[in-house]
Amino acid sequence: TVAGPPRFDGSVRLRLALYRASLY
């Protein structure tokens, strides 16, 4: 509703995995 629907393509999923690894 604020920023539009997020897209979860391959690039986004890869960045999520890297950010998750960094945070953990």
mmCIF file of all heavy atoms, coordinates in Angstrom:
data_MODEL
# 
_entry.id   MODEL 
# 
loop_
_atom_site.group_PDB 
_atom_site.id 
_atom_site.type_symbol 
_atom_site.label_atom_id 
_atom_site.label_alt_id 
_atom_site.label_comp_id 
_atom_site.label_asym_id 
_atom_site.label_entity_id 
_atom_site.label_seq_id 
_atom_site.pdbx_PDB_ins_code 
_atom_site.Cartn_x 
_atom_site.Cartn_y 
_atom_site.Cartn_z 
_atom_site.occupancy 
_atom_site.B_iso_or_equiv 
_atom_site.pdbx_formal_charge 
_atom_site.auth_seq_id 
_atom_site.auth_comp_id 
_atom_site.auth_asym_id 
_atom_site.auth_atom_id 
_atom_site.pdbx_PDB_model_num 
ATOM 1   N N   . THR A 1 1  ? 0.821  -1.214  0.000   1.00 0.00 ? 1  THR A N   1 
ATOM 2   C CA  . THR A 1 1  ? 0.000  0.000   0.000   1.00 0.00 ? 1  THR A CA  1 
ATOM 3   C C   . THR A 1 1  ? 0.854  1.264   0.000   1.00 0.00 ? 1  THR A C   1 
ATOM 4   O O   . THR A 1 1  ? 0.404  2.309   -0.469  1.00 0.00 ? 1  THR A O   1 
ATOM 5   C CB  . THR A 1 1  ? -0.957 0.047   1.207   1.00 0.00 ? 1  THR A CB  1 
ATOM 6   O OG1 . THR A 1 1  ? -0.197 0.075   2.414   1.00 0.00 ? 1  THR A OG1 1 
ATOM 7   C CG2 . THR A 1 1  ? -1.903 -1.136  1.206   1.00 0.00 ? 1  THR A CG2 1 
ATOM 8   N N   . VAL A 1 2  ? 2.083  1.170   0.492   1.00 0.00 ? 2  VAL A N   1 
ATOM 9   C CA  . VAL A 1 2  ? 2.955  2.340   0.570   1.00 0.00 ? 2  VAL A CA  1 
ATOM 10  C C   . VAL A 1 2  ? 3.955  2.389   -0.585  1.00 0.00 ? 2  VAL A C   1 
ATOM 11  O O   . VAL A 1 2  ? 4.153  3.424   -1.199  1.00 0.00 ? 2  VAL A O   1 
ATOM 12  C CB  . VAL A 1 2  ? 3.714  2.353   1.916   1.00 0.00 ? 2  VAL A CB  1 
ATOM 13  C CG1 . VAL A 1 2  ? 4.705  3.493   1.970   1.00 0.00 ? 2  VAL A CG1 1 
ATOM 14  C CG2 . VAL A 1 2  ? 2.746  2.428   3.072   1.00 0.00 ? 2  VAL A CG2 1 
ATOM 15  N N   . ALA A 1 3  ? 4.574  1.268   -0.871  1.00 0.00 ? 3  ALA A N   1 
ATOM 16  C CA  . ALA A 1 3  ? 5.680  1.255   -1.832  1.00 0.00 ? 3  ALA A CA  1 
ATOM 17  C C   . ALA A 1 3  ? 5.411  0.407   -3.066  1.00 0.00 ? 3  ALA A C   1 
ATOM 18  O O   . ALA A 1 3  ? 6.295  0.241   -3.895  1.00 0.00 ? 3  ALA A O   1 
ATOM 19  C CB  . ALA A 1 3  ? 6.939  0.760   -1.143  1.00 0.00 ? 3  ALA A CB  1 
ATOM 20  N N   . GLY A 1 4  ? 4.222  -0.147  -3.173  1.00 0.00 ? 4  GLY A N   1 
ATOM 21  C CA  . GLY A 1 4  ? 3.936  -1.062  -4.277  1.00 0.00 ? 4  GLY A CA  1 
ATOM 22  C C   . GLY A 1 4  ? 4.360  -2.469  -3.910  1.00 0.00 ? 4  GLY A C   1 
ATOM 23  O O   . GLY A 1 4  ? 5.163  -2.662  -2.989  1.00 0.00 ? 4  GLY A O   1 
ATOM 24  N N   . PRO A 1 5  ? 3.836  -3.431  -4.595  1.00 0.00 ? 5  PRO A N   1 
ATOM 25  C CA  . PRO A 1 5  ? 4.167  -4.817  -4.237  1.00 0.00 ? 5  PRO A CA  1 
ATOM 26  C C   . PRO A 1 5  ? 5.641  -5.125  -4.510  1.00 0.00 ? 5  PRO A C   1 
ATOM 27  O O   . PRO A 1 5  ? 6.149  -4.804  -5.588  1.00 0.00 ? 5  PRO A O   1 
ATOM 28  C CB  . PRO A 1 5  ? 3.250  -5.648  -5.132  1.00 0.00 ? 5  PRO A CB  1 
ATOM 29  C CG  . PRO A 1 5  ? 2.831  -4.736  -6.233  1.00 0.00 ? 5  PRO A CG  1 
ATOM 30  C CD  . PRO A 1 5  ? 2.922  -3.350  -5.718  1.00 0.00 ? 5  PRO A CD  1 
ATOM 31  N N   . PRO A 1 6  ? 6.319  -5.719  -3.529  1.00 0.00 ? 6  PRO A N   1 
ATOM 32  C CA  . PRO A 1 6  ? 7.721  -6.073  -3.763  1.00 0.00 ? 6  PRO A CA  1 
ATOM 33  C C   . PRO A 1 6  ? 7.816  -7.255  -4.718  1.00 0.00 ? 6  PRO A C   1 
ATOM 34  O O   . PRO A 1 6  ? 6.938  -8.115  -4.745  1.00 0.00 ? 6  PRO A O   1 
ATOM 35  C CB  . PRO A 1 6  ? 8.230  -6.450  -2.370  1.00 0.00 ? 6  PRO A CB  1 
ATOM 36  C CG  . PRO A 1 6  ? 7.018  -6.887  -1.635  1.00 0.00 ? 6  PRO A CG  1 
ATOM 37  C CD  . PRO A 1 6  ? 5.878  -6.092  -2.194  1.00 0.00 ? 6  PRO A CD  1 
ATOM 38  N N   . ARG A 1 7  ? 8.855  -7.258  -5.515  1.00 0.00 ? 7  ARG A N   1 
ATOM 39  C CA  . ARG A 1 7  ? 9.071  -8.398  -6.412  1.00 0.00 ? 7  ARG A CA  1 
ATOM 40  C C   . ARG A 1 7  ? 10.199 -9.246  -5.837  1.00 0.00 ? 7  ARG A C   1 
ATOM 41  O O   . ARG A 1 7  ? 11.177 -8.711  -5.321  1.00 0.00 ? 7  ARG A O   1 
ATOM 42  C CB  . ARG A 1 7  ? 9.388  -7.940  -7.819  1.00 0.00 ? 7  ARG A CB  1 
ATOM 43  C CG  . ARG A 1 7  ? 10.730 -7.298  -7.988  1.00 0.00 ? 7  ARG A CG  1 
ATOM 44  C CD  . ARG A 1 7  ? 10.968 -6.767  -9.396  1.00 0.00 ? 7  ARG A CD  1 
ATOM 45  N NE  . ARG A 1 7  ? 12.336 -6.665  -9.795  1.00 0.00 ? 7  ARG A NE  1 
ATOM 46  C CZ  . ARG A 1 7  ? 13.303 -6.041  -9.167  1.00 0.00 ? 7  ARG A CZ  1 
ATOM 47  N NH1 . ARG A 1 7  ? 13.079 -5.483  -8.021  1.00 0.00 ? 7  ARG A NH1 1 
ATOM 48  N NH2 . ARG A 1 7  ? 14.530 -5.991  -9.650  1.00 0.00 ? 7  ARG A NH2 1 
ATOM 49  N N   . PHE A 1 8  ? 10.016 -10.531 -5.876  1.00 0.00 ? 8  PHE A N   1 
ATOM 50  C CA  . PHE A 1 8  ? 11.012 -11.450 -5.336  1.00 0.00 ? 8  PHE A CA  1 
ATOM 51  C C   . PHE A 1 8  ? 11.585 -12.281 -6.470  1.00 0.00 ? 8  PHE A C   1 
ATOM 52  O O   . PHE A 1 8  ? 11.332 -13.478 -6.582  1.00 0.00 ? 8  PHE A O   1 
ATOM 53  C CB  . PHE A 1 8  ? 10.392 -12.344 -4.251  1.00 0.00 ? 8  PHE A CB  1 
ATOM 54  C CG  . PHE A 1 8  ? 10.028 -11.588 -3.002  1.00 0.00 ? 8  PHE A CG  1 
ATOM 55  C CD1 . PHE A 1 8  ? 8.728  -11.180 -2.785  1.00 0.00 ? 8  PHE A CD1 1 
ATOM 56  C CD2 . PHE A 1 8  ? 10.987 -11.271 -2.067  1.00 0.00 ? 8  PHE A CD2 1 
ATOM 57  C CE1 . PHE A 1 8  ? 8.382  -10.472 -1.644  1.00 0.00 ? 8  PHE A CE1 1 
ATOM 58  C CE2 . PHE A 1 8  ? 10.664 -10.562 -0.916  1.00 0.00 ? 8  PHE A CE2 1 
ATOM 59  C CZ  . PHE A 1 8  ? 9.362  -10.160 -0.704  1.00 0.00 ? 8  PHE A CZ  1 
ATOM 60  N N   . ASP A 1 9  ? 12.376 -11.622 -7.321  1.00 0.00 ? 9  ASP A N   1 
ATOM 61  C CA  . ASP A 1 9  ? 13.027 -12.337 -8.413  1.00 0.00 ? 9  ASP A CA  1 
ATOM 62  C C   . ASP A 1 9  ? 14.354 -12.919 -7.916  1.00 0.00 ? 9  ASP A C   1 
ATOM 63  O O   . ASP A 1 9  ? 14.682 -12.835 -6.730  1.00 0.00 ? 9  ASP A O   1 
ATOM 64  C CB  . ASP A 1 9  ? 13.219 -11.419 -9.622  1.00 0.00 ? 9  ASP A CB  1 
ATOM 65  C CG  . ASP A 1 9  ? 14.084 -10.199 -9.316  1.00 0.00 ? 9  ASP A CG  1 
ATOM 66  O OD1 . ASP A 1 9  ? 14.741 -10.167 -8.262  1.00 0.00 ? 9  ASP A OD1 1 
ATOM 67  O OD2 . ASP A 1 9  ? 14.098 -9.277  -10.156 1.00 0.00 ? 9  ASP A OD2 1 
ATOM 68  N N   . GLY A 1 10 ? 15.113 -13.487 -8.806  1.00 0.00 ? 10 GLY A N   1 
ATOM 69  C CA  . GLY A 1 10 ? 16.369 -14.125 -8.425  1.00 0.00 ? 10 GLY A CA  1 
ATOM 70  C C   . GLY A 1 10 ? 17.348 -13.174 -7.768  1.00 0.00 ? 10 GLY A C   1 
ATOM 71  O O   . GLY A 1 10 ? 18.017 -13.526 -6.794  1.00 0.00 ? 10 GLY A O   1 
ATOM 72  N N   . SER A 1 11 ? 17.441 -11.945 -8.281  1.00 0.00 ? 11 SER A N   1 
ATOM 73  C CA  . SER A 1 11 ? 18.354 -10.957 -7.716  1.00 0.00 ? 11 SER A CA  1 
ATOM 74  C C   . SER A 1 11 ? 17.966 -10.595 -6.284  1.00 0.00 ? 11 SER A C   1 
ATOM 75  O O   . SER A 1 11 ? 18.821 -10.506 -5.399  1.00 0.00 ? 11 SER A O   1 
ATOM 76  C CB  . SER A 1 11 ? 18.357 -9.695  -8.587  1.00 0.00 ? 11 SER A CB  1 
ATOM 77  O OG  . SER A 1 11 ? 19.070 -8.658  -7.966  1.00 0.00 ? 11 SER A OG  1 
ATOM 78  N N   . VAL A 1 12 ? 16.685 -10.392 -6.050  1.00 0.00 ? 12 VAL A N   1 
ATOM 79  C CA  . VAL A 1 12 ? 16.213 -10.041 -4.713  1.00 0.00 ? 12 VAL A CA  1 
ATOM 80  C C   . VAL A 1 12 ? 16.439 -11.205 -3.748  1.00 0.00 ? 12 VAL A C   1 
ATOM 81  O O   . VAL A 1 12 ? 16.898 -11.009 -2.622  1.00 0.00 ? 12 VAL A O   1 
ATOM 82  C CB  . VAL A 1 12 ? 14.730 -9.622  -4.744  1.00 0.00 ? 12 VAL A CB  1 
ATOM 83  C CG1 . VAL A 1 12 ? 14.166 -9.498  -3.342  1.00 0.00 ? 12 VAL A CG1 1 
ATOM 84  C CG2 . VAL A 1 12 ? 14.566 -8.314  -5.500  1.00 0.00 ? 12 VAL A CG2 1 
ATOM 85  N N   . ARG A 1 13 ? 16.148 -12.408 -4.187  1.00 0.00 ? 13 ARG A N   1 
ATOM 86  C CA  . ARG A 1 13 ? 16.337 -13.573 -3.301  1.00 0.00 ? 13 ARG A CA  1 
ATOM 87  C C   . ARG A 1 13 ? 17.814 -13.782 -2.961  1.00 0.00 ? 13 ARG A C   1 
ATOM 88  O O   . ARG A 1 13 ? 18.147 -14.154 -1.834  1.00 0.00 ? 13 ARG A O   1 
ATOM 89  C CB  . ARG A 1 13 ? 15.737 -14.809 -3.938  1.00 0.00 ? 13 ARG A CB  1 
ATOM 90  C CG  . ARG A 1 13 ? 14.234 -14.806 -3.887  1.00 0.00 ? 13 ARG A CG  1 
ATOM 91  C CD  . ARG A 1 13 ? 13.627 -16.159 -4.258  1.00 0.00 ? 13 ARG A CD  1 
ATOM 92  N NE  . ARG A 1 13 ? 12.197 -16.110 -4.078  1.00 0.00 ? 13 ARG A NE  1 
ATOM 93  C CZ  . ARG A 1 13 ? 11.324 -15.932 -5.065  1.00 0.00 ? 13 ARG A CZ  1 
ATOM 94  N NH1 . ARG A 1 13 ? 11.749 -15.791 -6.303  1.00 0.00 ? 13 ARG A NH1 1 
ATOM 95  N NH2 . ARG A 1 13 ? 10.031 -15.897 -4.813  1.00 0.00 ? 13 ARG A NH2 1 
ATOM 96  N N   . LEU A 1 14 ? 18.694 -13.506 -3.918  1.00 0.00 ? 14 LEU A N   1 
ATOM 97  C CA  . LEU A 1 14 ? 20.126 -13.616 -3.645  1.00 0.00 ? 14 LEU A CA  1 
ATOM 98  C C   . LEU A 1 14 ? 20.553 -12.566 -2.625  1.00 0.00 ? 14 LEU A C   1 
ATOM 99  O O   . LEU A 1 14 ? 21.268 -12.872 -1.659  1.00 0.00 ? 14 LEU A O   1 
ATOM 100 C CB  . LEU A 1 14 ? 20.933 -13.456 -4.935  1.00 0.00 ? 14 LEU A CB  1 
ATOM 101 C CG  . LEU A 1 14 ? 22.452 -13.435 -4.763  1.00 0.00 ? 14 LEU A CG  1 
ATOM 102 C CD1 . LEU A 1 14 ? 22.946 -14.742 -4.162  1.00 0.00 ? 14 LEU A CD1 1 
ATOM 103 C CD2 . LEU A 1 14 ? 23.125 -13.159 -6.096  1.00 0.00 ? 14 LEU A CD2 1 
ATOM 104 N N   . ARG A 1 15 ? 20.110 -11.330 -2.807  1.00 0.00 ? 15 ARG A N   1 
ATOM 105 C CA  . ARG A 1 15 ? 20.452 -10.278 -1.854  1.00 0.00 ? 15 ARG A CA  1 
ATOM 106 C C   . ARG A 1 15 ? 19.876 -10.584 -0.479  1.00 0.00 ? 15 ARG A C   1 
ATOM 107 O O   . ARG A 1 15 ? 20.533 -10.362 0.539   1.00 0.00 ? 15 ARG A O   1 
ATOM 108 C CB  . ARG A 1 15 ? 19.984 -8.913  -2.373  1.00 0.00 ? 15 ARG A CB  1 
ATOM 109 C CG  . ARG A 1 15 ? 20.761 -8.490  -3.591  1.00 0.00 ? 15 ARG A CG  1 
ATOM 110 C CD  . ARG A 1 15 ? 20.614 -7.049  -4.028  1.00 0.00 ? 15 ARG A CD  1 
ATOM 111 N NE  . ARG A 1 15 ? 19.421 -6.340  -3.720  1.00 0.00 ? 15 ARG A NE  1 
ATOM 112 C CZ  . ARG A 1 15 ? 18.376 -6.192  -4.555  1.00 0.00 ? 15 ARG A CZ  1 
ATOM 113 N NH1 . ARG A 1 15 ? 18.389 -6.762  -5.750  1.00 0.00 ? 15 ARG A NH1 1 
ATOM 114 N NH2 . ARG A 1 15 ? 17.334 -5.483  -4.200  1.00 0.00 ? 15 ARG A NH2 1 
ATOM 115 N N   . LEU A 1 16 ? 18.658 -11.110 -0.422  1.00 0.00 ? 16 LEU A N   1 
ATOM 116 C CA  . LEU A 1 16 ? 18.074 -11.504 0.865   1.00 0.00 ? 16 LEU A CA  1 
ATOM 117 C C   . LEU A 1 16 ? 18.955 -12.542 1.561   1.00 0.00 ? 16 LEU A C   1 
ATOM 118 O O   . LEU A 1 16 ? 19.199 -12.455 2.765   1.00 0.00 ? 16 LEU A O   1 
ATOM 119 C CB  . LEU A 1 16 ? 16.661 -12.068 0.678   1.00 0.00 ? 16 LEU A CB  1 
ATOM 120 C CG  . LEU A 1 16 ? 15.537 -11.073 0.553   1.00 0.00 ? 16 LEU A CG  1 
ATOM 121 C CD1 . LEU A 1 16 ? 14.251 -11.780 0.138   1.00 0.00 ? 16 LEU A CD1 1 
ATOM 122 C CD2 . LEU A 1 16 ? 15.324 -10.311 1.842   1.00 0.00 ? 16 LEU A CD2 1 
ATOM 123 N N   . ALA A 1 17 ? 19.410 -13.517 0.813   1.00 0.00 ? 17 ALA A N   1 
ATOM 124 C CA  . ALA A 1 17 ? 20.257 -14.568 1.389   1.00 0.00 ? 17 ALA A CA  1 
ATOM 125 C C   . ALA A 1 17 ? 21.571 -13.981 1.908   1.00 0.00 ? 17 ALA A C   1 
ATOM 126 O O   . ALA A 1 17 ? 22.034 -14.341 2.998   1.00 0.00 ? 17 ALA A O   1 
ATOM 127 C CB  . ALA A 1 17 ? 20.533 -15.652 0.348   1.00 0.00 ? 17 ALA A CB  1 
ATOM 128 N N   . LEU A 1 18 ? 22.164 -13.062 1.157   1.00 0.00 ? 18 LEU A N   1 
ATOM 129 C CA  . LEU A 1 18 ? 23.423 -12.454 1.592   1.00 0.00 ? 18 LEU A CA  1 
ATOM 130 C C   . LEU A 1 18 ? 23.211 -11.565 2.810   1.00 0.00 ? 18 LEU A C   1 
ATOM 131 O O   . LEU A 1 18 ? 24.013 -11.605 3.755   1.00 0.00 ? 18 LEU A O   1 
ATOM 132 C CB  . LEU A 1 18 ? 24.041 -11.652 0.442   1.00 0.00 ? 18 LEU A CB  1 
ATOM 133 C CG  . LEU A 1 18 ? 24.550 -12.490 -0.723  1.00 0.00 ? 18 LEU A CG  1 
ATOM 134 C CD1 . LEU A 1 18 ? 24.929 -11.596 -1.896  1.00 0.00 ? 18 LEU A CD1 1 
ATOM 135 C CD2 . LEU A 1 18 ? 25.719 -13.358 -0.300  1.00 0.00 ? 18 LEU A CD2 1 
ATOM 136 N N   . TYR A 1 19 ? 22.165 -10.761 2.821   1.00 0.00 ? 19 TYR A N   1 
ATOM 137 C CA  . TYR A 1 19 ? 21.864 -9.918  3.980   1.00 0.00 ? 19 TYR A CA  1 
ATOM 138 C C   . TYR A 1 19 ? 21.546 -10.774 5.203   1.00 0.00 ? 19 TYR A C   1 
ATOM 139 O O   . TYR A 1 19 ? 21.941 -10.454 6.317   1.00 0.00 ? 19 TYR A O   1 
ATOM 140 C CB  . TYR A 1 19 ? 20.703 -8.976  3.695   1.00 0.00 ? 19 TYR A CB  1 
ATOM 141 C CG  . TYR A 1 19 ? 20.984 -7.929  2.646   1.00 0.00 ? 19 TYR A CG  1 
ATOM 142 C CD1 . TYR A 1 19 ? 20.004 -7.545  1.754   1.00 0.00 ? 19 TYR A CD1 1 
ATOM 143 C CD2 . TYR A 1 19 ? 22.220 -7.312  2.546   1.00 0.00 ? 19 TYR A CD2 1 
ATOM 144 C CE1 . TYR A 1 19 ? 20.239 -6.577  0.786   1.00 0.00 ? 19 TYR A CE1 1 
ATOM 145 C CE2 . TYR A 1 19 ? 22.469 -6.345  1.589   1.00 0.00 ? 19 TYR A CE2 1 
ATOM 146 C CZ  . TYR A 1 19 ? 21.485 -5.977  0.710   1.00 0.00 ? 19 TYR A CZ  1 
ATOM 147 O OH  . TYR A 1 19 ? 21.722 -5.019  -0.235  1.00 0.00 ? 19 TYR A OH  1 
ATOM 148 N N   . ARG A 1 20 ? 20.829 -11.867 4.996   1.00 0.00 ? 20 ARG A N   1 
ATOM 149 C CA  . ARG A 1 20 ? 20.497 -12.773 6.104   1.00 0.00 ? 20 ARG A CA  1 
ATOM 150 C C   . ARG A 1 20 ? 21.770 -13.385 6.679   1.00 0.00 ? 20 ARG A C   1 
ATOM 151 O O   . ARG A 1 20 ? 21.959 -13.423 7.904   1.00 0.00 ? 20 ARG A O   1 
ATOM 152 C CB  . ARG A 1 20 ? 19.548 -13.866 5.613   1.00 0.00 ? 20 ARG A CB  1 
ATOM 153 C CG  . ARG A 1 20 ? 18.969 -14.715 6.709   1.00 0.00 ? 20 ARG A CG  1 
ATOM 154 C CD  . ARG A 1 20 ? 17.949 -15.719 6.178   1.00 0.00 ? 20 ARG A CD  1 
ATOM 155 N NE  . ARG A 1 20 ? 16.780 -15.027 5.652   1.00 0.00 ? 20 ARG A NE  1 
ATOM 156 C CZ  . ARG A 1 20 ? 16.348 -15.128 4.397   1.00 0.00 ? 20 ARG A CZ  1 
ATOM 157 N NH1 . ARG A 1 20 ? 16.955 -15.901 3.529   1.00 0.00 ? 20 ARG A NH1 1 
ATOM 158 N NH2 . ARG A 1 20 ? 15.278 -14.458 3.996   1.00 0.00 ? 20 ARG A NH2 1 
ATOM 159 N N   . ALA A 1 21 ? 22.674 -13.842 5.807   1.00 0.00 ? 21 ALA A N   1 
ATOM 160 C CA  . ALA A 1 21 ? 23.939 -14.415 6.274   1.00 0.00 ? 21 ALA A CA  1 
ATOM 161 C C   . ALA A 1 21 ? 24.741 -13.377 7.050   1.00 0.00 ? 21 ALA A C   1 
ATOM 162 O O   . ALA A 1 21 ? 25.308 -13.685 8.104   1.00 0.00 ? 21 ALA A O   1 
ATOM 163 C CB  . ALA A 1 21 ? 24.749 -14.938 5.091   1.00 0.00 ? 21 ALA A CB  1 
ATOM 164 N N   . SER A 1 22 ? 24.771 -12.162 6.551   1.00 0.00 ? 22 SER A N   1 
ATOM 165 C CA  . SER A 1 22 ? 25.497 -11.092 7.234   1.00 0.00 ? 22 SER A CA  1 
ATOM 166 C C   . SER A 1 22 ? 24.912 -10.819 8.617   1.00 0.00 ? 22 SER A C   1 
ATOM 167 O O   . SER A 1 22 ? 25.647 -10.726 9.606   1.00 0.00 ? 22 SER A O   1 
ATOM 168 C CB  . SER A 1 22 ? 25.463 -9.820  6.379   1.00 0.00 ? 22 SER A CB  1 
ATOM 169 O OG  . SER A 1 22 ? 26.041 -8.744  7.052   1.00 0.00 ? 22 SER A OG  1 
ATOM 170 N N   . LEU A 1 23 ? 23.601 -10.696 8.701   1.00 0.00 ? 23 LEU A N   1 
ATOM 171 C CA  . LEU A 1 23 ? 22.955 -10.424 9.987   1.00 0.00 ? 23 LEU A CA  1 
ATOM 172 C C   . LEU A 1 23 ? 23.165 -11.572 10.967  1.00 0.00 ? 23 LEU A C   1 
ATOM 173 O O   . LEU A 1 23 ? 23.474 -11.357 12.141  1.00 0.00 ? 23 LEU A O   1 
ATOM 174 C CB  . LEU A 1 23 ? 21.459 -10.172 9.800   1.00 0.00 ? 23 LEU A CB  1 
ATOM 175 C CG  . LEU A 1 23 ? 20.666 -9.924  11.076  1.00 0.00 ? 23 LEU A CG  1 
ATOM 176 C CD1 . LEU A 1 23 ? 21.180 -8.693  11.813  1.00 0.00 ? 23 LEU A CD1 1 
ATOM 177 C CD2 . LEU A 1 23 ? 19.185 -9.781  10.766  1.00 0.00 ? 23 LEU A CD2 1 
ATOM 178 N N   . TYR A 1 24 ? 23.034 -12.803 10.502  1.00 0.00 ? 24 TYR A N   1 
ATOM 179 C CA  . TYR A 1 24 ? 23.207 -13.949 11.393  1.00 0.00 ? 24 TYR A CA  1 
ATOM 180 C C   . TYR A 1 24 ? 24.650 -14.054 11.885  1.00 0.00 ? 24 TYR A C   1 
ATOM 181 O O   . TYR A 1 24 ? 24.898 -14.430 13.031  1.00 0.00 ? 24 TYR A O   1 
ATOM 182 C CB  . TYR A 1 24 ? 22.763 -15.232 10.716  1.00 0.00 ? 24 TYR A CB  1 
ATOM 183 C CG  . TYR A 1 24 ? 21.273 -15.324 10.458  1.00 0.00 ? 24 TYR A CG  1 
ATOM 184 C CD1 . TYR A 1 24 ? 20.746 -16.315 9.664   1.00 0.00 ? 24 TYR A CD1 1 
ATOM 185 C CD2 . TYR A 1 24 ? 20.377 -14.391 10.984  1.00 0.00 ? 24 TYR A CD2 1 
ATOM 186 C CE1 . TYR A 1 24 ? 19.377 -16.401 9.421   1.00 0.00 ? 24 TYR A CE1 1 
ATOM 187 C CE2 . TYR A 1 24 ? 19.026 -14.460 10.740  1.00 0.00 ? 24 TYR A CE2 1 
ATOM 188 C CZ  . TYR A 1 24 ? 18.526 -15.473 9.960   1.00 0.00 ? 24 TYR A CZ  1 
ATOM 189 O OH  . TYR A 1 24 ? 17.180 -15.549 9.713   1.00 0.00 ? 24 TYR A OH  1 
# 
